[in-house]
Amino acid sequence: MTDEHPPERDLAPATTCVYLLVYHHGPITPTRLSKLSGYSRRHVHRCLARLVDAGLVEPDSDPADRRQTTYESTDFDDR
């Protein structure tokens, strides 16, 4: 497995795109993910929910604004 791709999972292309953006740019907000990916914020939130359920990303409160949530990839090498 390389650092350029998520672990072997059955992910839709948009979800993989969002994962790679989180992996390379995280911690990152859904708004920023939407701008980078070109997907709507609603679609980004759906992708993030799938990634959280799969254990590939973790949500956290943004230290600059506790109302905002940021996402960061998890260490999947230990799985």
Protein backbone atom coordinates (compact mmCIF):
# COMPACT_ATOMS: atom_id res chain seq x y z
CA MET A 1 0.00 0.00 0.00
CA THR A 2 1.31 3.46 -0.83
CA ASP A 3 0.71 6.74 0.94
CA GLU A 4 -1.06 8.08 -2.13
CA HIS A 5 -4.22 6.00 -1.83
CA PRO A 6 -6.66 5.05 0.90
CA PRO A 7 -6.56 1.50 2.18
CA GLU A 8 -8.32 -1.15 0.15
CA ARG A 9 -11.96 -0.22 0.61
CA ASP A 10 -14.96 -0.15 -1.65
CA LEU A 11 -15.26 3.64 -1.90
CA ALA A 12 -17.09 5.63 -4.55
CA PRO A 13 -14.83 7.88 -6.66
CA ALA A 14 -16.14 11.08 -5.01
CA THR A 15 -15.55 9.63 -1.54
CA THR A 16 -12.01 8.63 -2.53
CA CYS A 17 -11.44 12.16 -3.83
CA VAL A 18 -12.61 13.67 -0.55
CA TYR A 19 -10.46 11.21 1.41
CA LEU A 20 -7.34 12.12 -0.55
CA LEU A 21 -8.00 15.83 0.00
CA VAL A 22 -8.38 15.22 3.75
CA TYR A 23 -5.23 13.08 3.73
CA HIS A 24 -3.14 15.72 1.98
CA HIS A 25 -4.67 18.92 3.40
CA GLY A 26 -6.11 17.93 6.77
CA PRO A 27 -7.15 19.07 9.20
CA ILE A 28 -9.66 20.66 6.86
CA THR A 29 -13.23 21.95 6.99
CA PRO A 30 -16.09 20.69 4.82
CA THR A 31 -16.34 24.17 3.25
CA ARG A 32 -12.70 24.04 2.16
CA LEU A 33 -13.18 20.47 0.90
CA SER A 34 -16.13 21.63 -1.16
CA LYS A 35 -14.05 24.40 -2.75
CA LEU A 36 -11.11 22.09 -3.49
CA SER A 37 -13.19 19.22 -4.83
CA GLY A 38 -15.88 21.12 -6.70
CA TYR A 39 -18.56 19.04 -4.94
CA SER A 40 -21.45 20.65 -3.08
CA ARG A 41 -21.12 20.93 0.70
CA ARG A 42 -24.02 18.50 1.04
CA HIS A 43 -22.20 15.90 -1.07
CA VAL A 44 -18.94 16.47 0.84
CA HIS A 45 -20.81 15.90 4.13
CA ARG A 46 -22.19 12.59 2.79
CA CYS A 47 -18.69 11.51 1.74
CA LEU A 48 -17.27 12.50 5.14
CA ALA A 49 -19.98 10.50 6.93
CA ARG A 50 -18.99 7.41 4.91
CA LEU A 51 -15.30 8.01 5.69
CA VAL A 52 -16.00 8.44 9.41
CA ASP A 53 -18.07 5.22 9.42
CA ALA A 54 -15.18 3.43 7.67
CA GLY A 55 -12.72 4.74 10.26
CA LEU A 56 -10.66 6.61 7.67
CA VAL A 57 -11.19 10.16 8.96
CA GLU A 58 -11.92 11.71 12.34
CA PRO A 59 -13.92 14.85 13.06
CA ASP A 60 -12.65 17.39 15.58
CA SER A 61 -13.63 20.87 16.74
CA ASP A 62 -11.75 23.63 14.98
CA PRO A 63 -9.58 25.31 17.64
CA ALA A 64 -10.07 28.71 15.98
CA ASP A 65 -13.88 28.37 15.90
CA ARG A 66 -15.49 25.67 18.07
CA ARG A 67 -18.67 25.87 15.98
CA GLN A 68 -16.71 24.57 12.98
CA THR A 69 -15.66 20.93 12.51
CA THR A 70 -12.41 19.88 10.89
CA TYR A 71 -11.51 16.45 9.55
CA GLU A 72 -8.20 14.61 9.56
CA SER A 73 -7.23 11.20 8.23
CA THR A 74 -6.63 8.41 10.72
CA ASP A 75 -3.53 6.24 10.81
CA PHE A 76 -4.80 3.33 8.73
CA ASP A 77 -1.49 1.42 8.70
CA ASP A 78 -2.36 -0.15 12.08
CA ARG A 79 -5.58 -1.73 10.80
